[in-house]
Amino acid sequence: MSGRPLDVLEASVGEAVTVRLKDGTEYVGTLMGYDQHMNVVLEDDNTTIIRGDNVVSIHP
């Protein structure tokens, strides 16, 4: 796996990830999609769309 951020996201689609936001909030769910701005769509019991501007880290 390459260390480039979008390559890591591509490899993580369909997998469980943890997304940490600037305010310290963490979301855990299945990564369903993303775009070049790192806006992400997570799915658990609900579908959550997270704006990339708020993301500090995404851990596969």
C-alpha atoms as a PDB file:
ATOM      1  CA  MET A   1       0.000   0.000   0.000  1.00  0.00           C
ATOM      2  CA  SER A   2       1.303   3.430  -0.933  1.00  0.00           C
ATOM      3  CA  GLY A   3       1.624   6.100   1.737  1.00  0.00           C
ATOM      4  CA  ARG A   4      -0.259   8.695  -0.323  1.00  0.00           C
ATOM      5  CA  PRO A   5      -3.457   9.725   1.504  1.00  0.00           C
ATOM      6  CA  LEU A   6      -5.908   9.098  -1.332  1.00  0.00           C
ATOM      7  CA  ASP A   7      -4.313   5.704  -2.044  1.00  0.00           C
ATOM      8  CA  VAL A   8      -4.795   4.729   1.596  1.00  0.00           C
ATOM      9  CA  LEU A   9      -8.441   5.848   1.423  1.00  0.00           C
ATOM     10  CA  GLU A  10      -8.991   3.891  -1.799  1.00  0.00           C
ATOM     11  CA  ALA A  11      -7.602   0.746  -0.180  1.00  0.00           C
ATOM     12  CA  SER A  12      -9.868   1.316   2.840  1.00  0.00           C
ATOM     13  CA  VAL A  13     -13.206   1.578   0.989  1.00  0.00           C
ATOM     14  CA  GLY A  14     -15.505  -1.076   2.405  1.00  0.00           C
ATOM     15  CA  GLU A  15     -13.365  -1.416   5.544  1.00  0.00           C
ATOM     16  CA  ALA A  16     -13.835  -0.144   9.090  1.00  0.00           C
ATOM     17  CA  VAL A  17     -12.103   3.176   9.773  1.00  0.00           C
ATOM     18  CA  THR A  18     -11.880   5.704  12.589  1.00  0.00           C
ATOM     19  CA  VAL A  19     -12.167   9.378  11.626  1.00  0.00           C
ATOM     20  CA  ARG A  20     -10.973  12.001  14.122  1.00  0.00           C
ATOM     21  CA  LEU A  21     -12.214  15.582  13.765  1.00  0.00           C
ATOM     22  CA  LYS A  22     -10.647  18.898  14.823  1.00  0.00           C
ATOM     23  CA  ASP A  23     -12.931  19.104  17.875  1.00  0.00           C
ATOM     24  CA  GLY A  24     -11.743  15.680  19.092  1.00  0.00           C
ATOM     25  CA  THR A  25     -14.885  13.797  18.065  1.00  0.00           C
ATOM     26  CA  GLU A  26     -14.267  10.348  16.603  1.00  0.00           C
ATOM     27  CA  TYR A  27     -16.494   8.449  14.216  1.00  0.00           C
ATOM     28  CA  VAL A  28     -16.124   4.727  13.574  1.00  0.00           C
ATOM     29  CA  GLY A  29     -17.798   3.087  10.622  1.00  0.00           C
ATOM     30  CA  THR A  30     -17.371   1.485   7.228  1.00  0.00           C
ATOM     31  CA  LEU A  31     -15.830   3.822   4.664  1.00  0.00           C
ATOM     32  CA  MET A  32     -18.311   3.914   1.799  1.00  0.00           C
ATOM     33  CA  GLY A  33     -16.740   6.691  -0.266  1.00  0.00           C
ATOM     34  CA  TYR A  34     -14.598   9.835  -0.375  1.00  0.00           C
ATOM     35  CA  ASP A  35     -13.538  12.581  -2.758  1.00  0.00           C
ATOM     36  CA  GLN A  36     -10.374  14.570  -3.508  1.00  0.00           C
ATOM     37  CA  HIS A  37     -11.185  16.980  -0.639  1.00  0.00           C
ATOM     38  CA  MET A  38     -11.289  14.026   1.785  1.00  0.00           C
ATOM     39  CA  ASN A  39     -14.996  14.451   2.362  1.00  0.00           C
ATOM     40  CA  VAL A  40     -15.943  10.967   3.552  1.00  0.00           C
ATOM     41  CA  VAL A  41     -19.083   8.867   3.818  1.00  0.00           C
ATOM     42  CA  LEU A  42     -19.233   6.423   6.718  1.00  0.00           C
ATOM     43  CA  GLU A  43     -21.885   3.837   7.342  1.00  0.00           C
ATOM     44  CA  ASP A  44     -22.721   2.094  10.606  1.00  0.00           C
ATOM     45  CA  ASP A  45     -26.327   2.117  11.816  1.00  0.00           C
ATOM     46  CA  ASN A  46     -26.680   5.439   9.966  1.00  0.00           C
ATOM     47  CA  THR A  47     -24.977   7.100   7.040  1.00  0.00           C
ATOM     48  CA  THR A  48     -22.666   9.948   8.067  1.00  0.00           C
ATOM     49  CA  ILE A  49     -21.105  12.461   5.676  1.00  0.00           C
ATOM     50  CA  ILE A  50     -18.069  14.263   7.068  1.00  0.00           C
ATOM     51  CA  ARG A  51     -16.667  17.372   5.449  1.00  0.00           C
ATOM     52  CA  GLY A  52     -12.953  17.043   4.758  1.00  0.00           C
ATOM     53  CA  ASP A  53     -12.171  20.465   6.290  1.00  0.00           C
ATOM     54  CA  ASN A  54     -12.970  19.014   9.729  1.00  0.00           C
ATOM     55  CA  VAL A  55     -10.905  15.829   9.408  1.00  0.00           C
ATOM     56  CA  VAL A  56      -7.628  15.543  11.311  1.00  0.00           C
ATOM     57  CA  SER A  57      -6.960  11.850  10.722  1.00  0.00           C
ATOM     58  CA  ILE A  58      -8.432   8.698   9.244  1.00  0.00           C
ATOM     59  CA  HIS A  59      -7.176   5.367  10.569  1.00  0.00           C
ATOM     60  CA  PRO A  60      -7.899   2.158   8.667  1.00  0.00           C
END
